[in-house]
mmCIF file of all heavy atoms, coordinates in Angstrom:
data_MODEL
# 
_entry.id   MODEL 
# 
loop_
_atom_site.group_PDB 
_atom_site.id 
_atom_site.type_symbol 
_atom_site.label_atom_id 
_atom_site.label_alt_id 
_atom_site.label_comp_id 
_atom_site.label_asym_id 
_atom_site.label_entity_id 
_atom_site.label_seq_id 
_atom_site.pdbx_PDB_ins_code 
_atom_site.Cartn_x 
_atom_site.Cartn_y 
_atom_site.Cartn_z 
_atom_site.occupancy 
_atom_site.B_iso_or_equiv 
_atom_site.pdbx_formal_charge 
_atom_site.auth_seq_id 
_atom_site.auth_comp_id 
_atom_site.auth_asym_id 
_atom_site.auth_atom_id 
_atom_site.pdbx_PDB_model_num 
ATOM 1   N N   . SER A 1 1  ? -13.880 277.740 36.059 1.00 0.00 ? 1  SER A N   1 
ATOM 2   C CA  . SER A 1 1  ? -13.197 276.577 36.686 1.00 0.00 ? 1  SER A CA  1 
ATOM 3   C C   . SER A 1 1  ? -13.132 275.507 35.700 1.00 0.00 ? 1  SER A C   1 
ATOM 4   O O   . SER A 1 1  ? -12.264 274.544 35.810 1.00 0.00 ? 1  SER A O   1 
ATOM 5   C CB  . SER A 1 1  ? -13.739 276.166 37.952 1.00 0.00 ? 1  SER A CB  1 
ATOM 6   O OG  . SER A 1 1  ? -15.108 275.873 37.740 1.00 0.00 ? 1  SER A OG  1 
ATOM 7   N N   . ILE A 1 2  ? -13.960 275.523 34.728 1.00 0.00 ? 2  ILE A N   1 
ATOM 8   C CA  . ILE A 1 2  ? -13.908 274.355 33.558 1.00 0.00 ? 2  ILE A CA  1 
ATOM 9   C C   . ILE A 1 2  ? -13.573 275.093 32.357 1.00 0.00 ? 2  ILE A C   1 
ATOM 10  O O   . ILE A 1 2  ? -14.299 276.026 31.848 1.00 0.00 ? 2  ILE A O   1 
ATOM 11  C CB  . ILE A 1 2  ? -15.231 273.749 33.519 1.00 0.00 ? 2  ILE A CB  1 
ATOM 12  C CG1 . ILE A 1 2  ? -15.634 273.096 34.876 1.00 0.00 ? 2  ILE A CG1 1 
ATOM 13  C CG2 . ILE A 1 2  ? -15.302 272.728 32.402 1.00 0.00 ? 2  ILE A CG2 1 
ATOM 14  C CD1 . ILE A 1 2  ? -16.990 272.456 34.874 1.00 0.00 ? 2  ILE A CD1 1 
ATOM 15  N N   . ILE A 1 3  ? -12.389 274.641 31.798 1.00 0.00 ? 3  ILE A N   1 
ATOM 16  C CA  . ILE A 1 3  ? -12.023 275.346 30.423 1.00 0.00 ? 3  ILE A CA  1 
ATOM 17  C C   . ILE A 1 3  ? -12.725 274.559 29.319 1.00 0.00 ? 3  ILE A C   1 
ATOM 18  O O   . ILE A 1 3  ? -12.720 273.424 29.160 1.00 0.00 ? 3  ILE A O   1 
ATOM 19  C CB  . ILE A 1 3  ? -10.501 275.173 30.297 1.00 0.00 ? 3  ILE A CB  1 
ATOM 20  C CG1 . ILE A 1 3  ? -9.864  275.961 31.403 1.00 0.00 ? 3  ILE A CG1 1 
ATOM 21  C CG2 . ILE A 1 3  ? -10.037 275.628 28.874 1.00 0.00 ? 3  ILE A CG2 1 
ATOM 22  C CD1 . ILE A 1 3  ? -8.268  275.956 31.233 1.00 0.00 ? 3  ILE A CD1 1 
ATOM 23  N N   . THR A 1 4  ? -13.583 275.338 28.700 1.00 0.00 ? 4  THR A N   1 
ATOM 24  C CA  . THR A 1 4  ? -14.385 274.810 27.498 1.00 0.00 ? 4  THR A CA  1 
ATOM 25  C C   . THR A 1 4  ? -13.644 274.884 26.209 1.00 0.00 ? 4  THR A C   1 
ATOM 26  O O   . THR A 1 4  ? -13.264 276.083 25.936 1.00 0.00 ? 4  THR A O   1 
ATOM 27  C CB  . THR A 1 4  ? -15.797 275.450 27.416 1.00 0.00 ? 4  THR A CB  1 
ATOM 28  O OG1 . THR A 1 4  ? -16.521 275.147 28.735 1.00 0.00 ? 4  THR A OG1 1 
ATOM 29  C CG2 . THR A 1 4  ? -16.481 274.822 26.245 1.00 0.00 ? 4  THR A CG2 1 
ATOM 30  N N   . LYS A 1 5  ? -13.398 273.870 25.488 1.00 0.00 ? 5  LYS A N   1 
ATOM 31  C CA  . LYS A 1 5  ? -12.581 274.065 24.239 1.00 0.00 ? 5  LYS A CA  1 
ATOM 32  C C   . LYS A 1 5  ? -13.679 273.579 23.169 1.00 0.00 ? 5  LYS A C   1 
ATOM 33  O O   . LYS A 1 5  ? -14.332 272.532 23.166 1.00 0.00 ? 5  LYS A O   1 
ATOM 34  C CB  . LYS A 1 5  ? -11.535 273.162 24.096 1.00 0.00 ? 5  LYS A CB  1 
ATOM 35  C CG  . LYS A 1 5  ? -10.443 273.486 25.065 1.00 0.00 ? 5  LYS A CG  1 
ATOM 36  C CD  . LYS A 1 5  ? -9.203  272.578 24.896 1.00 0.00 ? 5  LYS A CD  1 
ATOM 37  C CE  . LYS A 1 5  ? -8.111  273.020 25.902 1.00 0.00 ? 5  LYS A CE  1 
ATOM 38  N NZ  . LYS A 1 5  ? -6.769  272.303 25.668 1.00 0.00 ? 5  LYS A NZ  1 
ATOM 39  N N   . ILE A 1 6  ? -13.977 274.433 22.091 1.00 0.00 ? 6  ILE A N   1 
ATOM 40  C CA  . ILE A 1 6  ? -14.798 274.175 21.027 1.00 0.00 ? 6  ILE A CA  1 
ATOM 41  C C   . ILE A 1 6  ? -14.060 273.383 20.051 1.00 0.00 ? 6  ILE A C   1 
ATOM 42  O O   . ILE A 1 6  ? -12.885 273.687 19.682 1.00 0.00 ? 6  ILE A O   1 
ATOM 43  C CB  . ILE A 1 6  ? -15.416 275.436 20.532 1.00 0.00 ? 6  ILE A CB  1 
ATOM 44  C CG1 . ILE A 1 6  ? -16.282 276.273 21.500 1.00 0.00 ? 6  ILE A CG1 1 
ATOM 45  C CG2 . ILE A 1 6  ? -16.218 275.198 19.193 1.00 0.00 ? 6  ILE A CG2 1 
ATOM 46  C CD1 . ILE A 1 6  ? -16.720 277.640 21.100 1.00 0.00 ? 6  ILE A CD1 1 
ATOM 47  N N   . ASN A 1 7  ? -14.645 272.373 19.499 1.00 0.00 ? 7  ASN A N   1 
ATOM 48  C CA  . ASN A 1 7  ? -14.019 271.407 18.492 1.00 0.00 ? 7  ASN A CA  1 
ATOM 49  C C   . ASN A 1 7  ? -13.887 272.160 17.208 1.00 0.00 ? 7  ASN A C   1 
ATOM 50  O O   . ASN A 1 7  ? -14.722 272.218 16.351 1.00 0.00 ? 7  ASN A O   1 
ATOM 51  C CB  . ASN A 1 7  ? -14.858 270.204 18.409 1.00 0.00 ? 7  ASN A CB  1 
ATOM 52  C CG  . ASN A 1 7  ? -14.215 269.263 17.229 1.00 0.00 ? 7  ASN A CG  1 
ATOM 53  O OD1 . ASN A 1 7  ? -13.142 269.356 17.042 1.00 0.00 ? 7  ASN A OD1 1 
ATOM 54  N ND2 . ASN A 1 7  ? -15.015 268.432 16.706 1.00 0.00 ? 7  ASN A ND2 1 
ATOM 55  N N   . ASN A 1 8  ? -12.727 272.699 16.918 1.00 0.00 ? 8  ASN A N   1 
ATOM 56  C CA  . ASN A 1 8  ? -12.408 273.379 15.649 1.00 0.00 ? 8  ASN A CA  1 
ATOM 57  C C   . ASN A 1 8  ? -11.112 272.983 15.136 1.00 0.00 ? 8  ASN A C   1 
ATOM 58  O O   . ASN A 1 8  ? -10.343 273.613 14.495 1.00 0.00 ? 8  ASN A O   1 
ATOM 59  C CB  . ASN A 1 8  ? -12.430 274.902 15.782 1.00 0.00 ? 8  ASN A CB  1 
ATOM 60  C CG  . ASN A 1 8  ? -13.787 275.436 16.214 1.00 0.00 ? 8  ASN A CG  1 
ATOM 61  O OD1 . ASN A 1 8  ? -14.714 275.238 15.478 1.00 0.00 ? 8  ASN A OD1 1 
ATOM 62  N ND2 . ASN A 1 8  ? -13.933 276.052 17.374 1.00 0.00 ? 8  ASN A ND2 1 
ATOM 63  N N   . GLU A 1 9  ? -10.804 271.731 15.269 1.00 0.00 ? 9  GLU A N   1 
ATOM 64  C CA  . GLU A 1 9  ? -9.496  271.118 14.817 1.00 0.00 ? 9  GLU A CA  1 
ATOM 65  C C   . GLU A 1 9  ? -9.565  271.082 13.212 1.00 0.00 ? 9  GLU A C   1 
ATOM 66  O O   . GLU A 1 9  ? -10.491 270.729 12.655 1.00 0.00 ? 9  GLU A O   1 
ATOM 67  C CB  . GLU A 1 9  ? -9.299  269.743 15.344 1.00 0.00 ? 9  GLU A CB  1 
ATOM 68  C CG  . GLU A 1 9  ? -7.999  269.106 14.840 1.00 0.00 ? 9  GLU A CG  1 
ATOM 69  C CD  . GLU A 1 9  ? -7.742  267.748 15.413 1.00 0.00 ? 9  GLU A CD  1 
ATOM 70  O OE1 . GLU A 1 9  ? -8.570  267.315 16.186 1.00 0.00 ? 9  GLU A OE1 1 
ATOM 71  O OE2 . GLU A 1 9  ? -6.715  267.074 15.051 1.00 0.00 ? 9  GLU A OE2 1 
ATOM 72  N N   . ILE A 1 10 ? -8.493  271.564 12.610 1.00 0.00 ? 10 ILE A N   1 
ATOM 73  C CA  . ILE A 1 10 ? -8.414  271.533 11.244 1.00 0.00 ? 10 ILE A CA  1 
ATOM 74  C C   . ILE A 1 10 ? -7.662  270.333 10.807 1.00 0.00 ? 10 ILE A C   1 
ATOM 75  O O   . ILE A 1 10 ? -6.571  270.043 11.176 1.00 0.00 ? 10 ILE A O   1 
ATOM 76  C CB  . ILE A 1 10 ? -7.708  272.837 10.754 1.00 0.00 ? 10 ILE A CB  1 
ATOM 77  C CG1 . ILE A 1 10 ? -8.528  274.131 11.077 1.00 0.00 ? 10 ILE A CG1 1 
ATOM 78  C CG2 . ILE A 1 10 ? -7.521  272.693 9.253  1.00 0.00 ? 10 ILE A CG2 1 
ATOM 79  C CD1 . ILE A 1 10 ? -7.714  275.401 10.802 1.00 0.00 ? 10 ILE A CD1 1 
ATOM 80  N N   . THR A 1 11 ? -8.289  269.642 9.843  1.00 0.00 ? 11 THR A N   1 
ATOM 81  C CA  . THR A 1 11 ? -7.743  268.323 9.294  1.00 0.00 ? 11 THR A CA  1 
ATOM 82  C C   . THR A 1 11 ? -7.401  268.585 7.847  1.00 0.00 ? 11 THR A C   1 
ATOM 83  O O   . THR A 1 11 ? -8.094  269.062 7.013  1.00 0.00 ? 11 THR A O   1 
ATOM 84  C CB  . THR A 1 11 ? -8.774  267.255 9.388  1.00 0.00 ? 11 THR A CB  1 
ATOM 85  O OG1 . THR A 1 11 ? -9.246  266.927 10.683 1.00 0.00 ? 11 THR A OG1 1 
ATOM 86  C CG2 . THR A 1 11 ? -8.235  265.914 8.808  1.00 0.00 ? 11 THR A CG2 1 
ATOM 87  N N   . ARG A 1 12 ? -6.117  268.276 7.419  1.00 0.00 ? 12 ARG A N   1 
ATOM 88  C CA  . ARG A 1 12 ? -5.747  268.404 6.256  1.00 0.00 ? 12 ARG A CA  1 
ATOM 89  C C   . ARG A 1 12 ? -5.270  267.006 5.561  1.00 0.00 ? 12 ARG A C   1 
ATOM 90  O O   . ARG A 1 12 ? -4.909  265.966 6.329  1.00 0.00 ? 12 ARG A O   1 
ATOM 91  C CB  . ARG A 1 12 ? -4.455  269.244 5.999  1.00 0.00 ? 12 ARG A CB  1 
ATOM 92  C CG  . ARG A 1 12 ? -4.728  270.708 6.618  1.00 0.00 ? 12 ARG A CG  1 
ATOM 93  C CD  . ARG A 1 12 ? -3.423  271.494 6.645  1.00 0.00 ? 12 ARG A CD  1 
ATOM 94  N NE  . ARG A 1 12 ? -3.459  272.725 7.283  1.00 0.00 ? 12 ARG A NE  1 
ATOM 95  C CZ  . ARG A 1 12 ? -3.709  273.890 6.637  1.00 0.00 ? 12 ARG A CZ  1 
ATOM 96  N NH1 . ARG A 1 12 ? -3.717  273.957 5.359  1.00 0.00 ? 12 ARG A NH1 1 
ATOM 97  N NH2 . ARG A 1 12 ? -3.820  275.088 7.223  1.00 0.00 ? 12 ARG A NH2 1 
ATOM 98  N N   . ASN A 1 13 ? -5.404  266.864 4.256  1.00 0.00 ? 13 ASN A N   1 
ATOM 99  C CA  . ASN A 1 13 ? -4.959  265.604 3.667  1.00 0.00 ? 13 ASN A CA  1 
ATOM 100 C C   . ASN A 1 13 ? -3.410  265.659 3.353  1.00 0.00 ? 13 ASN A C   1 
ATOM 101 O O   . ASN A 1 13 ? -2.790  266.646 3.672  1.00 0.00 ? 13 ASN A O   1 
ATOM 102 C CB  . ASN A 1 13 ? -5.745  265.261 2.427  1.00 0.00 ? 13 ASN A CB  1 
ATOM 103 C CG  . ASN A 1 13 ? -5.549  266.424 1.213  1.00 0.00 ? 13 ASN A CG  1 
ATOM 104 O OD1 . ASN A 1 13 ? -4.652  267.196 1.192  1.00 0.00 ? 13 ASN A OD1 1 
ATOM 105 N ND2 . ASN A 1 13 ? -6.599  266.366 0.407  1.00 0.00 ? 13 ASN A ND2 1 
ATOM 106 N N   . THR A 1 14 ? -2.885  264.680 2.634  1.00 0.00 ? 14 THR A N   1 
ATOM 107 C CA  . THR A 1 14 ? -1.492  264.570 2.449  1.00 0.00 ? 14 THR A CA  1 
ATOM 108 C C   . THR A 1 14 ? -0.967  265.768 1.544  1.00 0.00 ? 14 THR A C   1 
ATOM 109 O O   . THR A 1 14 ? 0.202   265.942 1.460  1.00 0.00 ? 14 THR A O   1 
ATOM 110 C CB  . THR A 1 14 ? -1.091  263.272 1.790  1.00 0.00 ? 14 THR A CB  1 
ATOM 111 O OG1 . THR A 1 14 ? -1.854  263.074 0.708  1.00 0.00 ? 14 THR A OG1 1 
ATOM 112 C CG2 . THR A 1 14 ? -1.412  262.141 2.799  1.00 0.00 ? 14 THR A CG2 1 
ATOM 113 N N   . ASN A 1 15 ? -1.937  266.353 0.763  1.00 0.00 ? 15 ASN A N   1 
ATOM 114 C CA  . ASN A 1 15 ? -1.592  267.529 -0.128 1.00 0.00 ? 15 ASN A CA  1 
ATOM 115 C C   . ASN A 1 15 ? -1.696  268.760 0.455  1.00 0.00 ? 15 ASN A C   1 
ATOM 116 O O   . ASN A 1 15 ? -1.569  269.927 -0.038 1.00 0.00 ? 15 ASN A O   1 
ATOM 117 C CB  . ASN A 1 15 ? -2.453  267.365 -1.374 1.00 0.00 ? 15 ASN A CB  1 
ATOM 118 C CG  . ASN A 1 15 ? -2.285  266.150 -2.342 1.00 0.00 ? 15 ASN A CG  1 
ATOM 119 O OD1 . ASN A 1 15 ? -1.013  265.795 -2.443 1.00 0.00 ? 15 ASN A OD1 1 
ATOM 120 N ND2 . ASN A 1 15 ? -3.189  265.667 -2.740 1.00 0.00 ? 15 ASN A ND2 1 
ATOM 121 N N   . GLY A 1 16 ? -2.004  268.746 1.897  1.00 0.00 ? 16 GLY A N   1 
ATOM 122 C CA  . GLY A 1 16 ? -2.101  270.059 2.606  1.00 0.00 ? 16 GLY A CA  1 
ATOM 123 C C   . GLY A 1 16 ? -3.503  270.643 2.526  1.00 0.00 ? 16 GLY A C   1 
ATOM 124 O O   . GLY A 1 16 ? -3.630  271.677 2.980  1.00 0.00 ? 16 GLY A O   1 
ATOM 125 N N   . MET A 1 17 ? -4.428  269.985 1.740  1.00 0.00 ? 17 MET A N   1 
ATOM 126 C CA  . MET A 1 17 ? -5.773  270.707 1.534  1.00 0.00 ? 17 MET A CA  1 
ATOM 127 C C   . MET A 1 17 ? -6.672  270.250 2.728  1.00 0.00 ? 17 MET A C   1 
ATOM 128 O O   . MET A 1 17 ? -6.640  269.289 3.344  1.00 0.00 ? 17 MET A O   1 
ATOM 129 C CB  . MET A 1 17 ? -6.487  269.988 0.289  1.00 0.00 ? 17 MET A CB  1 
ATOM 130 C CG  . MET A 1 17 ? -5.595  270.279 -0.947 1.00 0.00 ? 17 MET A CG  1 
ATOM 131 S SD  . MET A 1 17 ? -6.085  269.241 -2.357 1.00 0.00 ? 17 MET A SD  1 
ATOM 132 C CE  . MET A 1 17 ? -7.826  269.738 -2.493 1.00 0.00 ? 17 MET A CE  1 
ATOM 133 N N   . VAL A 1 18 ? -7.430  271.321 3.266  1.00 0.00 ? 18 VAL A N   1 
ATOM 134 C CA  . VAL A 1 18 ? -8.294  271.216 4.351  1.00 0.00 ? 18 VAL A CA  1 
ATOM 135 C C   . VAL A 1 18 ? -9.492  270.314 4.040  1.00 0.00 ? 18 VAL A C   1 
ATOM 136 O O   . VAL A 1 18 ? -10.182 270.630 3.188  1.00 0.00 ? 18 VAL A O   1 
ATOM 137 C CB  . VAL A 1 18 ? -8.770  272.584 4.773  1.00 0.00 ? 18 VAL A CB  1 
ATOM 138 C CG1 . VAL A 1 18 ? -9.675  272.499 5.970  1.00 0.00 ? 18 VAL A CG1 1 
ATOM 139 C CG2 . VAL A 1 18 ? -7.571  273.437 5.253  1.00 0.00 ? 18 VAL A CG2 1 
ATOM 140 N N   . THR A 1 19 ? -9.704  269.303 4.834  1.00 0.00 ? 19 THR A N   1 
ATOM 141 C CA  . THR A 1 19 ? -10.783 268.396 4.605  1.00 0.00 ? 19 THR A CA  1 
ATOM 142 C C   . THR A 1 19 ? -11.847 268.479 5.672  1.00 0.00 ? 19 THR A C   1 
ATOM 143 O O   . THR A 1 19 ? -13.022 268.088 5.379  1.00 0.00 ? 19 THR A O   1 
ATOM 144 C CB  . THR A 1 19 ? -10.350 266.953 4.479  1.00 0.00 ? 19 THR A CB  1 
ATOM 145 O OG1 . THR A 1 19 ? -9.586  266.577 5.585  1.00 0.00 ? 19 THR A OG1 1 
ATOM 146 C CG2 . THR A 1 19 ? -9.367  266.756 3.195  1.00 0.00 ? 19 THR A CG2 1 
ATOM 147 N N   . ALA A 1 20 ? -11.399 269.082 6.779  1.00 0.00 ? 20 ALA A N   1 
ATOM 148 C CA  . ALA A 1 20 ? -12.482 269.211 7.974  1.00 0.00 ? 20 ALA A CA  1 
ATOM 149 C C   . ALA A 1 20 ? -12.118 270.248 8.745  1.00 0.00 ? 20 ALA A C   1 
ATOM 150 O O   . ALA A 1 20 ? -10.864 270.587 8.961  1.00 0.00 ? 20 ALA A O   1 
ATOM 151 C CB  . ALA A 1 20 ? -12.678 267.850 8.622  1.00 0.00 ? 20 ALA A CB  1 
ATOM 152 N N   . ILE A 1 21 ? -13.041 270.897 9.409  1.00 0.00 ? 21 ILE A N   1 
ATOM 153 C CA  . ILE A 1 21 ? -12.859 271.883 10.397 1.00 0.00 ? 21 ILE A CA  1 
ATOM 154 C C   . ILE A 1 21 ? -13.850 271.695 11.458 1.00 0.00 ? 21 ILE A C   1 
ATOM 155 O O   . ILE A 1 21 ? -15.012 271.808 11.277 1.00 0.00 ? 21 ILE A O   1 
ATOM 156 C CB  . ILE A 1 21 ? -12.821 273.354 9.973  1.00 0.00 ? 21 ILE A CB  1 
ATOM 157 C CG1 . ILE A 1 21 ? -11.812 273.646 8.858  1.00 0.00 ? 21 ILE A CG1 1 
ATOM 158 C CG2 . ILE A 1 21 ? -12.658 274.283 11.232 1.00 0.00 ? 21 ILE A CG2 1 
ATOM 159 C CD1 . ILE A 1 21 ? -11.798 275.085 8.485  1.00 0.00 ? 21 ILE A CD1 1 
ATOM 160 N N   . GLY A 1 22 ? -13.362 270.966 12.591 1.00 0.00 ? 22 GLY A N   1 
ATOM 161 C CA  . GLY A 1 22 ? -14.417 270.695 13.483 1.00 0.00 ? 22 GLY A CA  1 
ATOM 162 C C   . GLY A 1 22 ? -15.175 269.539 12.982 1.00 0.00 ? 22 GLY A C   1 
ATOM 163 O O   . GLY A 1 22 ? -14.768 268.555 12.401 1.00 0.00 ? 22 GLY A O   1 
ATOM 164 N N   . ASN A 1 23 ? -16.632 269.632 13.096 1.00 0.00 ? 23 ASN A N   1 
ATOM 165 C CA  . ASN A 1 23 ? -17.486 268.541 12.517 1.00 0.00 ? 23 ASN A CA  1 
ATOM 166 C C   . ASN A 1 23 ? -17.756 268.834 10.988 1.00 0.00 ? 23 ASN A C   1 
ATOM 167 O O   . ASN A 1 23 ? -18.436 268.066 10.420 1.00 0.00 ? 23 ASN A O   1 
ATOM 168 C CB  . ASN A 1 23 ? -18.873 268.560 13.334 1.00 0.00 ? 23 ASN A CB  1 
ATOM 169 C CG  . ASN A 1 23 ? -18.587 268.209 14.678 1.00 0.00 ? 23 ASN A CG  1 
ATOM 170 O OD1 . ASN A 1 23 ? -17.761 267.340 15.159 1.00 0.00 ? 23 ASN A OD1 1 
ATOM 171 N ND2 . ASN A 1 23 ? -19.232 268.872 15.704 1.00 0.00 ? 23 ASN A ND2 1 
ATOM 172 N N   . THR A 1 24 ? -17.352 269.888 10.496 1.00 0.00 ? 24 THR A N   1 
ATOM 173 C CA  . THR A 1 24 ? -17.649 270.216 9.142  1.00 0.00 ? 24 THR A CA  1 
ATOM 174 C C   . THR A 1 24 ? -16.604 269.624 8.210  1.00 0.00 ? 24 THR A C   1 
ATOM 175 O O   . THR A 1 24 ? -15.472 269.728 8.421  1.00 0.00 ? 24 THR A O   1 
ATOM 176 C CB  . THR A 1 24 ? -17.594 271.810 8.975  1.00 0.00 ? 24 THR A CB  1 
ATOM 177 O OG1 . THR A 1 24 ? -18.507 272.372 9.891  1.00 0.00 ? 24 THR A OG1 1 
ATOM 178 C CG2 . THR A 1 24 ? -17.908 272.153 7.581  1.00 0.00 ? 24 THR A CG2 1 
ATOM 179 N N   . SER A 1 25 ? -17.236 268.949 7.126  1.00 0.00 ? 25 SER A N   1 
ATOM 180 C CA  . SER A 1 25 ? -16.405 268.316 6.137  1.00 0.00 ? 25 SER A CA  1 
ATOM 181 C C   . SER A 1 25 ? -16.352 269.020 4.827  1.00 0.00 ? 25 SER A C   1 
ATOM 182 O O   . SER A 1 25 ? -17.439 269.507 4.404  1.00 0.00 ? 25 SER A O   1 
ATOM 183 C CB  . SER A 1 25 ? -16.744 266.762 6.088  1.00 0.00 ? 25 SER A CB  1 
ATOM 184 O OG  . SER A 1 25 ? -18.054 266.674 5.492  1.00 0.00 ? 25 SER A OG  1 
ATOM 185 N N   . LEU A 1 26 ? -15.242 268.751 4.130  1.00 0.00 ? 26 LEU A N   1 
ATOM 186 C CA  . LEU A 1 26 ? -15.113 269.545 2.750  1.00 0.00 ? 26 LEU A CA  1 
ATOM 187 C C   . LEU A 1 26 ? -14.727 268.509 1.819  1.00 0.00 ? 26 LEU A C   1 
ATOM 188 O O   . LEU A 1 26 ? -13.815 267.631 2.112  1.00 0.00 ? 26 LEU A O   1 
ATOM 189 C CB  . LEU A 1 26 ? -14.232 270.672 2.766  1.00 0.00 ? 26 LEU A CB  1 
ATOM 190 C CG  . LEU A 1 26 ? -14.600 271.848 3.686  1.00 0.00 ? 26 LEU A CG  1 
ATOM 191 C CD1 . LEU A 1 26 ? -14.014 271.666 5.078  1.00 0.00 ? 26 LEU A CD1 1 
ATOM 192 C CD2 . LEU A 1 26 ? -13.817 273.107 3.184  1.00 0.00 ? 26 LEU A CD2 1 
# 
């Protein structure tokens, strides 16, 4: 009844490079 979503949003910079996935930073 409660939809749980795990924080796995992918963040990219202006060059399209991944700088974060969820709480993890690169």
